[in-house]
Amino acid sequence: MAQRRTRARGLLALVALIAASLVAAGCGSNGAGGAQEGKLKTLTIAYQPGIGYAPLLIVKEQGALEKALPGTKIVWKQLDSGSAIRDGMIAGDIQVGSGGLGPFLVGWDAGVDWKVISAMEDMDLWLMAKDPKYKSLEDFKGGGKIAMPAPDSIQAVVLAKLSEQQLGDPNALKKNIVALGHPDGLQALLSGQLAGHLTSPPFEFQEQDKGARKIATSYDAFGGPHTFNSIYVRQGFYDSQKEAVDKLNQEVAAAVKMLNDDPDQAAKLLSKESGGDSSAKEFKDYITHEGVEYTTTPHGFKTIADFMKQIGLIKKSPEDFKEVTFDNLHDSGGS
């Protein structure tokens, strides 16, 4: 009971903070979210580390939007969590955000006037451990820390679902969560500073190559493939800058097609964008790995939202995926 009261107070504080930020920014259903009616001078797109953002990274490396939107300055901003992107969009500093459903739905539930314009992929998220004493979720009940981007990240939702299934309580491992970006979480796991890392490709693949083991997965939790990352904009920006949104959608769809039809070319572009941190061969292995499928169609939105409502992360759940997506996705066969 005390744990539920603590969760409720935390959620109320978060909702109040989001609401106050919306008021301070002068935002609402008519707000452009950082864009004025007419010519778009600057377009800031935020993303996070990992190949879950590969479609956007290909668009970035190709300079496709610079060509499609001459006269508009395109700014690419990498942040460590979806909650940081949410805060930037509320403030009007970011026009296009991307990330997992957790922070997106928390913002939507609190009144942020945004919707998804495109999914980017279905992707299986793994809970990884290196210490051999961690063989199941039960072993983490002693207090072993688990890294993930934020307490309201999609990884946190996955951990709650797995905890409900395997431990009988969605909050059983809530106090184990440590907020770390994926690159830092990888290093902390491999150096023995953390018991677990609930992460995403390619970090889970890299950890496995270094001797870590898969304990449980998001596909286990939700009964099959689901969207990992989506791209979203606020209603005011969508209404006032429809040309820019359409161009972005076209370029993302082209990048998804390349990832599926020509993974060698996609891998070369991703390697170049990374500054050579990973080779084209490594990127090809990542983007063609089992559990990775690039698609613009949303999957599992309703299932994940219903569970978030069940455990108190959000107060309401959308009727279906169409309520939190723009019209261009309504006939996509999503869920």
C-alpha atoms as a PDB file:
ATOM      1  CA  MET A   1       0.000   0.000   0.000  1.00  0.00           C
ATOM      2  CA  ALA A   2       2.806   2.418   0.893  1.00  0.00           C
ATOM      3  CA  GLN A   3       4.509   1.604  -2.394  1.00  0.00           C
ATOM      4  CA  ARG A   4       1.313   2.444  -4.312  1.00  0.00           C
ATOM      5  CA  ARG A   5       0.986   5.761  -2.438  1.00  0.00           C
ATOM      6  CA  THR A   6       4.589   6.600  -3.337  1.00  0.00           C
ATOM      7  CA  ARG A   7       3.940   5.739  -6.994  1.00  0.00           C
ATOM      8  CA  ALA A   8       0.770   7.859  -6.975  1.00  0.00           C
ATOM      9  CA  ARG A   9       2.589  10.859  -5.470  1.00  0.00           C
ATOM     10  CA  GLY A  10       5.360  10.514  -8.044  1.00  0.00           C
ATOM     11  CA  LEU A  11       2.898  10.379 -10.921  1.00  0.00           C
ATOM     12  CA  LEU A  12       0.927  13.344  -9.598  1.00  0.00           C
ATOM     13  CA  ALA A  13       4.158  15.348  -9.363  1.00  0.00           C
ATOM     14  CA  LEU A  14       5.094  14.410 -12.922  1.00  0.00           C
ATOM     15  CA  VAL A  15       1.648  15.296 -14.276  1.00  0.00           C
ATOM     16  CA  ALA A  16       1.740  18.610 -12.403  1.00  0.00           C
ATOM     17  CA  LEU A  17       5.189  19.374 -13.821  1.00  0.00           C
ATOM     18  CA  ILE A  18       4.053  18.626 -17.370  1.00  0.00           C
ATOM     19  CA  ALA A  19       0.894  20.694 -16.918  1.00  0.00           C
ATOM     20  CA  ALA A  20       2.867  23.631 -15.511  1.00  0.00           C
ATOM     21  CA  SER A  21       5.314  23.403 -18.400  1.00  0.00           C
ATOM     22  CA  LEU A  22       2.456  23.458 -20.897  1.00  0.00           C
ATOM     23  CA  VAL A  23       1.003  26.577 -19.312  1.00  0.00           C
ATOM     24  CA  ALA A  24       4.397  28.284 -19.086  1.00  0.00           C
ATOM     25  CA  ALA A  25       5.080  27.551 -22.745  1.00  0.00           C
ATOM     26  CA  GLY A  26       1.699  28.906 -23.762  1.00  0.00           C
ATOM     27  CA  CYS A  27       0.849  25.543 -25.288  1.00  0.00           C
ATOM     28  CA  GLY A  28      -2.374  23.793 -26.069  1.00  0.00           C
ATOM     29  CA  SER A  29      -4.238  22.208 -28.932  1.00  0.00           C
ATOM     30  CA  ASN A  30      -3.609  25.317 -31.040  1.00  0.00           C
ATOM     31  CA  GLY A  31       0.053  25.642 -30.154  1.00  0.00           C
ATOM     32  CA  ALA A  32       2.595  25.006 -32.889  1.00  0.00           C
ATOM     33  CA  GLY A  33       5.038  23.394 -30.500  1.00  0.00           C
ATOM     34  CA  GLY A  34       7.887  25.713 -31.472  1.00  0.00           C
ATOM     35  CA  ALA A  35       6.774  26.439 -35.062  1.00  0.00           C
ATOM     36  CA  GLN A  36       4.896  29.438 -36.411  1.00  0.00           C
ATOM     37  CA  GLU A  37       2.452  29.433 -39.296  1.00  0.00           C
ATOM     38  CA  GLY A  38       4.329  29.855 -42.578  1.00  0.00           C
ATOM     39  CA  LYS A  39       7.922  29.199 -43.547  1.00  0.00           C
ATOM     40  CA  LEU A  40       9.764  26.831 -41.214  1.00  0.00           C
ATOM     41  CA  LYS A  41      13.163  28.325 -40.413  1.00  0.00           C
ATOM     42  CA  THR A  42      14.524  25.628 -38.093  1.00  0.00           C
ATOM     43  CA  LEU A  43      13.453  22.015 -37.613  1.00  0.00           C
ATOM     44  CA  THR A  44      14.918  20.284 -34.561  1.00  0.00           C
ATOM     45  CA  ILE A  45      14.643  16.496 -34.502  1.00  0.00           C
ATOM     46  CA  ALA A  46      15.511  14.598 -31.328  1.00  0.00           C
ATOM     47  CA  TYR A  47      16.480  10.944 -31.114  1.00  0.00           C
ATOM     48  CA  GLN A  48      18.320   8.559 -28.781  1.00  0.00           C
ATOM     49  CA  PRO A  49      21.222   6.100 -29.135  1.00  0.00           C
ATOM     50  CA  GLY A  50      20.725   2.760 -30.854  1.00  0.00           C
ATOM     51  CA  ILE A  51      19.580   1.156 -34.080  1.00  0.00           C
ATOM     52  CA  GLY A  52      15.977   1.688 -33.009  1.00  0.00           C
ATOM     53  CA  TYR A  53      16.557   5.111 -34.582  1.00  0.00           C
ATOM     54  CA  ALA A  54      18.156   3.747 -37.769  1.00  0.00           C
ATOM     55  CA  PRO A  55      15.504   5.218 -40.130  1.00  0.00           C
ATOM     56  CA  LEU A  56      16.133   8.713 -38.754  1.00  0.00           C
ATOM     57  CA  LEU A  57      19.912   8.194 -38.762  1.00  0.00           C
ATOM     58  CA  ILE A  58      19.813   7.250 -42.444  1.00  0.00           C
ATOM     59  CA  VAL A  59      17.746  10.351 -43.230  1.00  0.00           C
ATOM     60  CA  LYS A  60      20.284  12.391 -41.239  1.00  0.00           C
ATOM     61  CA  GLU A  61      23.337  10.902 -42.959  1.00  0.00           C
ATOM     62  CA  GLN A  62      21.869  11.311 -46.436  1.00  0.00           C
ATOM     63  CA  GLY A  63      20.947  14.950 -45.820  1.00  0.00           C
ATOM     64  CA  ALA A  64      17.548  14.036 -47.227  1.00  0.00           C
ATOM     65  CA  LEU A  65      15.554  16.657 -45.329  1.00  0.00           C
ATOM     66  CA  GLU A  66      17.992  19.424 -46.208  1.00  0.00           C
ATOM     67  CA  LYS A  67      17.298  18.583 -49.851  1.00  0.00           C
ATOM     68  CA  ALA A  68      13.547  18.182 -49.360  1.00  0.00           C
ATOM     69  CA  LEU A  69      13.145  21.385 -47.316  1.00  0.00           C
ATOM     70  CA  PRO A  70      15.494  24.004 -48.818  1.00  0.00           C
ATOM     71  CA  GLY A  71      15.766  27.101 -46.691  1.00  0.00           C
ATOM     72  CA  THR A  72      15.017  25.210 -43.465  1.00  0.00           C
ATOM     73  CA  LYS A  73      17.859  24.561 -41.043  1.00  0.00           C
ATOM     74  CA  ILE A  74      17.726  20.935 -39.855  1.00  0.00           C
ATOM     75  CA  VAL A  75      19.096  20.395 -36.345  1.00  0.00           C
ATOM     76  CA  TRP A  76      19.668  16.841 -35.058  1.00  0.00           C
ATOM     77  CA  LYS A  77      19.807  16.436 -31.275  1.00  0.00           C
ATOM     78  CA  GLN A  78      20.720  13.173 -29.509  1.00  0.00           C
ATOM     79  CA  LEU A  79      19.371  12.816 -25.962  1.00  0.00           C
ATOM     80  CA  ASP A  80      19.517   9.923 -23.507  1.00  0.00           C
ATOM     81  CA  SER A  81      15.820   9.402 -22.751  1.00  0.00           C
ATOM     82  CA  GLY A  82      12.321   9.870 -24.081  1.00  0.00           C
ATOM     83  CA  SER A  83      11.437  11.935 -21.010  1.00  0.00           C
ATOM     84  CA  ALA A  84      14.184  14.446 -21.921  1.00  0.00           C
ATOM     85  CA  ILE A  85      12.769  14.647 -25.447  1.00  0.00           C
ATOM     86  CA  ARG A  86       9.270  15.121 -24.037  1.00  0.00           C
ATOM     87  CA  ASP A  87      10.469  18.037 -21.895  1.00  0.00           C
ATOM     88  CA  GLY A  88      12.152  19.646 -24.910  1.00  0.00           C
ATOM     89  CA  MET A  89       9.012  19.348 -27.000  1.00  0.00           C
ATOM     90  CA  ILE A  90       6.842  20.839 -24.258  1.00  0.00           C
ATOM     91  CA  ALA A  91       9.269  23.764 -24.035  1.00  0.00           C
ATOM     92  CA  GLY A  92       9.091  24.226 -27.819  1.00  0.00           C
ATOM     93  CA  ASP A  93      12.817  23.588 -28.314  1.00  0.00           C
ATOM     94  CA  ILE A  94      12.192  20.355 -30.257  1.00  0.00           C
ATOM     95  CA  GLN A  95       9.630  19.992 -33.045  1.00  0.00           C
ATOM     96  CA  VAL A  96      10.037  16.279 -33.871  1.00  0.00           C
ATOM     97  CA  GLY A  97      10.546  13.724 -31.131  1.00  0.00           C
ATOM     98  CA  SER A  98      11.180  10.002 -31.227  1.00  0.00           C
ATOM     99  CA  GLY A  99      11.253   7.261 -28.655  1.00  0.00           C
ATOM    100  CA  GLY A 100       9.377   4.506 -26.881  1.00  0.00           C
ATOM    101  CA  LEU A 101       5.733   4.463 -25.870  1.00  0.00           C
ATOM    102  CA  GLY A 102       6.303   4.988 -22.131  1.00  0.00           C
ATOM    103  CA  PRO A 103       7.206   8.692 -22.017  1.00  0.00           C
ATOM    104  CA  PHE A 104       4.978   9.409 -25.040  1.00  0.00           C
ATOM    105  CA  LEU A 105       1.867   7.995 -23.352  1.00  0.00           C
ATOM    106  CA  VAL A 106       2.680   9.633 -20.002  1.00  0.00           C
ATOM    107  CA  GLY A 107       2.819  12.979 -21.822  1.00  0.00           C
ATOM    108  CA  TRP A 108      -0.357  12.281 -23.813  1.00  0.00           C
ATOM    109  CA  ASP A 109      -2.171  11.290 -20.633  1.00  0.00           C
ATOM    110  CA  ALA A 110      -1.054  14.557 -18.981  1.00  0.00           C
ATOM    111  CA  GLY A 111      -2.387  16.648 -21.860  1.00  0.00           C
ATOM    112  CA  VAL A 112       0.526  17.068 -24.258  1.00  0.00           C
ATOM    113  CA  ASP A 113      -1.137  17.607 -27.646  1.00  0.00           C
ATOM    114  CA  TRP A 114       0.994  15.212 -29.668  1.00  0.00           C
ATOM    115  CA  LYS A 115       0.459  12.157 -31.826  1.00  0.00           C
ATOM    116  CA  VAL A 116       2.589   9.644 -33.691  1.00  0.00           C
ATOM    117  CA  ILE A 117       3.320  10.265 -37.372  1.00  0.00           C
ATOM    118  CA  SER A 118       5.277   7.038 -37.930  1.00  0.00           C
ATOM    119  CA  ALA A 119       6.499   3.936 -36.175  1.00  0.00           C
ATOM    120  CA  MET A 120      10.066   2.913 -36.979  1.00  0.00           C
ATOM    121  CA  GLU A 121      10.349  -0.757 -36.080  1.00  0.00           C
ATOM    122  CA  ASP A 122       9.254  -3.751 -34.070  1.00  0.00           C
ATOM    123  CA  MET A 123      12.076  -4.655 -31.715  1.00  0.00           C
ATOM    124  CA  ASP A 124      12.621  -7.130 -28.867  1.00  0.00           C
ATOM    125  CA  LEU A 125      14.091  -5.542 -25.711  1.00  0.00           C
ATOM    126  CA  TRP A 126      16.207  -7.781 -23.490  1.00  0.00           C
ATOM    127  CA  LEU A 127      16.977  -7.794 -19.777  1.00  0.00           C
ATOM    128  CA  MET A 128      20.674  -8.675 -19.669  1.00  0.00           C
ATOM    129  CA  ALA A 129      22.832  -9.903 -16.770  1.00  0.00           C
ATOM    130  CA  LYS A 130      26.502 -10.883 -16.593  1.00  0.00           C
ATOM    131  CA  ASP A 131      26.937 -12.125 -13.018  1.00  0.00           C
ATOM    132  CA  PRO A 132      26.074 -15.862 -13.103  1.00  0.00           C
ATOM    133  CA  LYS A 133      24.026 -15.587  -9.901  1.00  0.00           C
ATOM    134  CA  TYR A 134      21.303 -13.764 -11.859  1.00  0.00           C
ATOM    135  CA  LYS A 135      19.356 -16.442 -13.708  1.00  0.00           C
ATOM    136  CA  SER A 136      15.778 -15.174 -13.395  1.00  0.00           C
ATOM    137  CA  LEU A 137      13.823 -12.153 -12.190  1.00  0.00           C
ATOM    138  CA  GLU A 138      13.557 -13.806  -8.777  1.00  0.00           C
ATOM    139  CA  ASP A 139      17.302 -13.340  -8.298  1.00  0.00           C
ATOM    140  CA  PHE A 140      16.960  -9.544  -8.578  1.00  0.00           C
ATOM    141  CA  LYS A 141      14.638  -9.359  -5.552  1.00  0.00           C
ATOM    142  CA  GLY A 142      17.703  -9.051  -3.317  1.00  0.00           C
ATOM    143  CA  GLY A 143      18.199  -5.538  -4.631  1.00  0.00           C
ATOM    144  CA  GLY A 144      20.305  -5.993  -7.768  1.00  0.00           C
ATOM    145  CA  LYS A 145      20.189  -2.724  -9.711  1.00  0.00           C
ATOM    146  CA  ILE A 146      18.769  -2.674 -13.262  1.00  0.00           C
ATOM    147  CA  ALA A 147      19.693   0.143 -15.653  1.00  0.00           C
ATOM    148  CA  MET A 148      17.290   1.674 -18.178  1.00  0.00           C
ATOM    149  CA  PRO A 149      16.819   5.175 -19.621  1.00  0.00           C
ATOM    150  CA  ALA A 150      14.135   6.402 -17.185  1.00  0.00           C
ATOM    151  CA  PRO A 151      11.530   5.174 -14.663  1.00  0.00           C
ATOM    152  CA  ASP A 152       8.764   5.828 -17.233  1.00  0.00           C
ATOM    153  CA  SER A 153      10.664   4.414 -20.231  1.00  0.00           C
ATOM    154  CA  ILE A 154       9.238   1.572 -22.290  1.00  0.00           C
ATOM    155  CA  GLN A 155      11.884  -0.589 -20.579  1.00  0.00           C
ATOM    156  CA  ALA A 156      10.304   0.250 -17.211  1.00  0.00           C
ATOM    157  CA  VAL A 157       6.922  -0.835 -18.567  1.00  0.00           C
ATOM    158  CA  VAL A 158       8.477  -4.086 -19.797  1.00  0.00           C
ATOM    159  CA  LEU A 159      10.067  -4.727 -16.383  1.00  0.00           C
ATOM    160  CA  ALA A 160       6.717  -4.145 -14.660  1.00  0.00           C
ATOM    161  CA  LYS A 161       4.959  -6.568 -17.026  1.00  0.00           C
ATOM    162  CA  LEU A 162       7.629  -9.237 -16.547  1.00  0.00           C
ATOM    163  CA  SER A 163       7.474  -8.725 -12.769  1.00  0.00           C
ATOM    164  CA  GLU A 164       3.715  -9.179 -12.785  1.00  0.00           C
ATOM    165  CA  GLN A 165       4.019 -12.378 -14.818  1.00  0.00           C
ATOM    166  CA  GLN A 166       6.952 -13.940 -12.996  1.00  0.00           C
ATOM    167  CA  LEU A 167       6.823 -12.435  -9.496  1.00  0.00           C
ATOM    168  CA  GLY A 168       3.114 -11.702  -9.096  1.00  0.00           C
ATOM    169  CA  ASP A 169       3.654  -7.967  -8.542  1.00  0.00           C
ATOM    170  CA  PRO A 170       4.346  -5.343 -11.244  1.00  0.00           C
ATOM    171  CA  ASN A 171       6.138  -3.194  -8.645  1.00  0.00           C
ATOM    172  CA  ALA A 172       8.377  -5.982  -7.312  1.00  0.00           C
ATOM    173  CA  LEU A 173      11.530  -4.569  -8.938  1.00  0.00           C
ATOM    174  CA  LYS A 174      10.573  -0.900  -9.232  1.00  0.00           C
ATOM    175  CA  LYS A 175      13.113   0.141  -6.582  1.00  0.00           C
ATOM    176  CA  ASN A 176      15.853  -1.681  -8.498  1.00  0.00           C
ATOM    177  CA  ILE A 177      15.677   0.766 -11.434  1.00  0.00           C
ATOM    178  CA  VAL A 178      18.667   3.023 -12.126  1.00  0.00           C
ATOM    179  CA  ALA A 179      18.229   5.699 -14.809  1.00  0.00           C
ATOM    180  CA  LEU A 180      21.119   5.479 -17.303  1.00  0.00           C
ATOM    181  CA  GLY A 181      21.397   5.991 -21.047  1.00  0.00           C
ATOM    182  CA  HIS A 182      22.029   2.786 -22.962  1.00  0.00           C
ATOM    183  CA  PRO A 183      25.766   3.354 -23.650  1.00  0.00           C
ATOM    184  CA  ASP A 184      26.431   4.068 -19.954  1.00  0.00           C
ATOM    185  CA  GLY A 185      24.251   1.140 -18.926  1.00  0.00           C
ATOM    186  CA  LEU A 186      26.263  -1.182 -21.167  1.00  0.00           C
ATOM    187  CA  GLN A 187      29.548  -0.092 -19.604  1.00  0.00           C
ATOM    188  CA  ALA A 188      28.142  -0.355 -16.067  1.00  0.00           C
ATOM    189  CA  LEU A 189      26.850  -3.881 -16.687  1.00  0.00           C
ATOM    190  CA  LEU A 190      30.043  -5.156 -18.254  1.00  0.00           C
ATOM    191  CA  SER A 191      32.202  -3.631 -15.490  1.00  0.00           C
ATOM    192  CA  GLY A 192      30.109  -5.283 -12.772  1.00  0.00           C
ATOM    193  CA  GLN A 193      28.608  -2.082 -11.373  1.00  0.00           C
ATOM    194  CA  LEU A 194      25.069  -3.240 -12.120  1.00  0.00           C
ATOM    195  CA  ALA A 195      23.214  -6.523 -11.886  1.00  0.00           C
ATOM    196  CA  GLY A 196      21.086  -5.968 -14.983  1.00  0.00           C
ATOM    197  CA  HIS A 197      20.467  -3.776 -17.999  1.00  0.00           C
ATOM    198  CA  LEU A 198      17.087  -3.664 -19.733  1.00  0.00           C
ATOM    199  CA  THR A 199      18.172  -2.290 -23.042  1.00  0.00           C
ATOM    200  CA  SER A 200      17.686  -2.409 -26.810  1.00  0.00           C
ATOM    201  CA  PRO A 201      19.630  -3.299 -29.968  1.00  0.00           C
ATOM    202  CA  PRO A 202      22.525  -3.053 -30.589  1.00  0.00           C
ATOM    203  CA  PHE A 203      23.499  -2.750 -26.906  1.00  0.00           C
ATOM    204  CA  GLU A 204      21.929  -6.082 -25.946  1.00  0.00           C
ATOM    205  CA  PHE A 205      23.777  -7.777 -28.814  1.00  0.00           C
ATOM    206  CA  GLN A 206      27.077  -6.177 -27.762  1.00  0.00           C
ATOM    207  CA  GLU A 207      26.522  -7.259 -24.157  1.00  0.00           C
ATOM    208  CA  GLN A 208      25.772 -10.803 -25.271  1.00  0.00           C
ATOM    209  CA  ASP A 209      29.007 -10.830 -27.276  1.00  0.00           C
ATOM    210  CA  LYS A 210      30.846  -9.798 -24.077  1.00  0.00           C
ATOM    211  CA  GLY A 211      29.442 -12.658 -22.012  1.00  0.00           C
ATOM    212  CA  ALA A 212      26.149 -11.263 -20.677  1.00  0.00           C
ATOM    213  CA  ARG A 213      23.017 -13.420 -20.803  1.00  0.00           C
ATOM    214  CA  LYS A 214      19.422 -12.770 -21.761  1.00  0.00           C
ATOM    215  CA  ILE A 215      17.157 -13.156 -18.695  1.00  0.00           C
ATOM    216  CA  ALA A 216      13.794 -12.102 -20.193  1.00  0.00           C
ATOM    217  CA  THR A 217      12.467 -10.109 -23.145  1.00  0.00           C
ATOM    218  CA  SER A 218       9.725  -7.654 -24.047  1.00  0.00           C
ATOM    219  CA  TYR A 219       8.332 -10.097 -26.606  1.00  0.00           C
ATOM    220  CA  ASP A 220       7.960 -12.562 -23.725  1.00  0.00           C
ATOM    221  CA  ALA A 221       6.195  -9.865 -21.715  1.00  0.00           C
ATOM    222  CA  PHE A 222       3.681  -8.776 -24.339  1.00  0.00           C
ATOM    223  CA  GLY A 223       3.208 -12.012 -26.243  1.00  0.00           C
ATOM    224  CA  GLY A 224       5.014 -11.114 -29.457  1.00  0.00           C
ATOM    225  CA  PRO A 225       6.315  -8.248 -31.599  1.00  0.00           C
ATOM    226  CA  HIS A 226       5.509  -4.656 -30.701  1.00  0.00           C
ATOM    227  CA  THR A 227       6.670  -1.210 -31.745  1.00  0.00           C
ATOM    228  CA  PHE A 228       9.761   0.008 -29.929  1.00  0.00           C
ATOM    229  CA  ASN A 229      10.238   3.563 -31.225  1.00  0.00           C
ATOM    230  CA  SER A 230       7.924   6.008 -32.955  1.00  0.00           C
ATOM    231  CA  ILE A 231       8.191   9.534 -34.329  1.00  0.00           C
ATOM    232  CA  TYR A 232       5.768  12.127 -32.997  1.00  0.00           C
ATOM    233  CA  VAL A 233       4.913  15.811 -33.326  1.00  0.00           C
ATOM    234  CA  ARG A 234       2.543  18.165 -31.592  1.00  0.00           C
ATOM    235  CA  GLN A 235      -0.821  19.045 -33.101  1.00  0.00           C
ATOM    236  CA  GLY A 236       0.026  22.692 -33.711  1.00  0.00           C
ATOM    237  CA  PHE A 237       3.203  21.794 -35.582  1.00  0.00           C
ATOM    238  CA  TYR A 238       1.362  19.191 -37.633  1.00  0.00           C
ATOM    239  CA  ASP A 239      -1.340  21.694 -38.591  1.00  0.00           C
ATOM    240  CA  SER A 240       1.006  24.581 -39.441  1.00  0.00           C
ATOM    241  CA  GLN A 241       3.853  22.615 -41.061  1.00  0.00           C
ATOM    242  CA  LYS A 242       2.117  19.825 -42.952  1.00  0.00           C
ATOM    243  CA  GLU A 243       4.616  19.986 -45.821  1.00  0.00           C
ATOM    244  CA  ALA A 244       7.543  19.367 -43.474  1.00  0.00           C
ATOM    245  CA  VAL A 245       5.708  16.482 -41.760  1.00  0.00           C
ATOM    246  CA  ASP A 246       4.870  14.903 -45.124  1.00  0.00           C
ATOM    247  CA  LYS A 247       8.474  15.215 -46.321  1.00  0.00           C
ATOM    248  CA  LEU A 248       9.763  13.663 -43.102  1.00  0.00           C
ATOM    249  CA  ASN A 249       7.309  10.782 -43.425  1.00  0.00           C
ATOM    250  CA  GLN A 250       8.370  10.183 -47.021  1.00  0.00           C
ATOM    251  CA  GLU A 251      12.058  10.119 -46.130  1.00  0.00           C
ATOM    252  CA  VAL A 252      11.532   7.842 -43.112  1.00  0.00           C
ATOM    253  CA  ALA A 253       9.483   5.434 -45.255  1.00  0.00           C
ATOM    254  CA  ALA A 254      12.280   5.418 -47.858  1.00  0.00           C
ATOM    255  CA  ALA A 255      14.846   4.676 -45.135  1.00  0.00           C
ATOM    256  CA  VAL A 256      12.717   1.811 -43.785  1.00  0.00           C
ATOM    257  CA  LYS A 257      12.486   0.408 -47.312  1.00  0.00           C
ATOM    258  CA  MET A 258      16.277   0.593 -47.639  1.00  0.00           C
ATOM    259  CA  LEU A 259      16.758  -1.163 -44.297  1.00  0.00           C
ATOM    260  CA  ASN A 260      14.571  -4.023 -45.519  1.00  0.00           C
ATOM    261  CA  ASP A 261      15.552  -4.197 -49.195  1.00  0.00           C
ATOM    262  CA  ASP A 262      19.193  -3.113 -49.171  1.00  0.00           C
ATOM    263  CA  PRO A 263      20.670  -3.724 -45.708  1.00  0.00           C
ATOM    264  CA  ASP A 264      24.220  -3.477 -47.097  1.00  0.00           C
ATOM    265  CA  GLN A 265      23.675   0.127 -48.196  1.00  0.00           C
ATOM    266  CA  ALA A 266      21.805   0.949 -44.997  1.00  0.00           C
ATOM    267  CA  ALA A 267      24.653  -0.513 -42.929  1.00  0.00           C
ATOM    268  CA  LYS A 268      27.235   1.581 -44.793  1.00  0.00           C
ATOM    269  CA  LEU A 269      25.276   4.760 -44.081  1.00  0.00           C
ATOM    270  CA  LEU A 270      24.819   3.857 -40.411  1.00  0.00           C
ATOM    271  CA  SER A 271      28.527   3.118 -40.030  1.00  0.00           C
ATOM    272  CA  LYS A 272      29.399   6.441 -41.609  1.00  0.00           C
ATOM    273  CA  GLU A 273      26.928   8.293 -39.391  1.00  0.00           C
ATOM    274  CA  SER A 274      28.488   6.655 -36.311  1.00  0.00           C
ATOM    275  CA  GLY A 275      31.901   7.972 -37.286  1.00  0.00           C
ATOM    276  CA  GLY A 276      33.133   4.428 -37.786  1.00  0.00           C
ATOM    277  CA  ASP A 277      32.443   3.377 -34.186  1.00  0.00           C
ATOM    278  CA  SER A 278      30.907   0.208 -35.649  1.00  0.00           C
ATOM    279  CA  SER A 279      31.709  -1.270 -39.043  1.00  0.00           C
ATOM    280  CA  ALA A 280      29.214  -1.707 -41.863  1.00  0.00           C
ATOM    281  CA  LYS A 281      29.401  -5.461 -41.254  1.00  0.00           C
ATOM    282  CA  GLU A 282      28.505  -5.001 -37.594  1.00  0.00           C
ATOM    283  CA  PHE A 283      25.597  -2.739 -38.481  1.00  0.00           C
ATOM    284  CA  LYS A 284      24.326  -5.236 -41.033  1.00  0.00           C
ATOM    285  CA  ASP A 285      24.387  -7.931 -38.363  1.00  0.00           C
ATOM    286  CA  TYR A 286      22.457  -5.641 -36.016  1.00  0.00           C
ATOM    287  CA  ILE A 287      19.751  -4.512 -38.443  1.00  0.00           C
ATOM    288  CA  THR A 288      19.113  -8.045 -39.752  1.00  0.00           C
ATOM    289  CA  HIS A 289      19.217  -9.703 -36.321  1.00  0.00           C
ATOM    290  CA  GLU A 290      16.329 -11.853 -35.128  1.00  0.00           C
ATOM    291  CA  GLY A 291      13.849  -9.690 -33.243  1.00  0.00           C
ATOM    292  CA  VAL A 292      14.507  -6.603 -35.398  1.00  0.00           C
ATOM    293  CA  GLU A 293      12.014  -5.637 -38.110  1.00  0.00           C
ATOM    294  CA  TYR A 294      11.782  -2.144 -39.565  1.00  0.00           C
ATOM    295  CA  THR A 295       8.242  -0.959 -40.285  1.00  0.00           C
ATOM    296  CA  THR A 296       6.271   2.287 -40.185  1.00  0.00           C
ATOM    297  CA  THR A 297       3.148   0.475 -38.902  1.00  0.00           C
ATOM    298  CA  PRO A 298       2.360   0.805 -35.171  1.00  0.00           C
ATOM    299  CA  HIS A 299       2.022  -2.488 -33.299  1.00  0.00           C
ATOM    300  CA  GLY A 300       0.937  -3.166 -29.718  1.00  0.00           C
ATOM    301  CA  PHE A 301       0.059   0.437 -28.799  1.00  0.00           C
ATOM    302  CA  LYS A 302      -3.270  -0.499 -27.215  1.00  0.00           C
ATOM    303  CA  THR A 303      -1.866  -3.526 -25.353  1.00  0.00           C
ATOM    304  CA  ILE A 304       0.977  -1.531 -23.814  1.00  0.00           C
ATOM    305  CA  ALA A 305      -1.232   1.464 -22.988  1.00  0.00           C
ATOM    306  CA  ASP A 306      -3.812  -0.749 -21.265  1.00  0.00           C
ATOM    307  CA  PHE A 307      -1.112  -2.249 -19.068  1.00  0.00           C
ATOM    308  CA  MET A 308       0.302   1.185 -18.228  1.00  0.00           C
ATOM    309  CA  LYS A 309      -3.178   2.234 -17.106  1.00  0.00           C
ATOM    310  CA  GLN A 310      -3.562  -0.975 -15.098  1.00  0.00           C
ATOM    311  CA  ILE A 311      -0.417  -0.274 -13.068  1.00  0.00           C
ATOM    312  CA  GLY A 312      -1.120   3.439 -12.650  1.00  0.00           C
ATOM    313  CA  LEU A 313       1.474   4.940 -15.011  1.00  0.00           C
ATOM    314  CA  ILE A 314      -1.354   6.656 -16.897  1.00  0.00           C
ATOM    315  CA  LYS A 315      -4.951   7.440 -15.903  1.00  0.00           C
ATOM    316  CA  LYS A 316      -6.544   6.748 -19.272  1.00  0.00           C
ATOM    317  CA  SER A 317      -5.844   4.487 -22.224  1.00  0.00           C
ATOM    318  CA  PRO A 318      -6.636   5.315 -25.867  1.00  0.00           C
ATOM    319  CA  GLU A 319      -9.648   3.585 -27.403  1.00  0.00           C
ATOM    320  CA  ASP A 320      -7.311   2.217 -30.076  1.00  0.00           C
ATOM    321  CA  PHE A 321      -4.016   3.162 -31.735  1.00  0.00           C
ATOM    322  CA  LYS A 322      -5.803   5.705 -33.977  1.00  0.00           C
ATOM    323  CA  GLU A 323      -6.451   7.973 -30.999  1.00  0.00           C
ATOM    324  CA  VAL A 324      -2.719   8.606 -30.546  1.00  0.00           C
ATOM    325  CA  THR A 325      -1.676   8.626 -34.220  1.00  0.00           C
ATOM    326  CA  PHE A 326      -2.299  11.013 -37.091  1.00  0.00           C
ATOM    327  CA  ASP A 327      -4.564  10.175 -40.038  1.00  0.00           C
ATOM    328  CA  ASN A 328      -1.754   8.912 -42.262  1.00  0.00           C
ATOM    329  CA  LEU A 329      -1.465   5.798 -40.045  1.00  0.00           C
ATOM    330  CA  HIS A 330      -5.140   5.011 -39.573  1.00  0.00           C
ATOM    331  CA  ASP A 331      -5.354   2.624 -42.531  1.00  0.00           C
ATOM    332  CA  SER A 332      -1.966   1.014 -41.836  1.00  0.00           C
ATOM    333  CA  GLY A 333      -3.353  -2.091 -40.153  1.00  0.00           C
ATOM    334  CA  GLY A 334      -1.773  -1.085 -36.846  1.00  0.00           C
ATOM    335  CA  SER A 335      -2.791  -2.087 -33.359  1.00  0.00           C
END
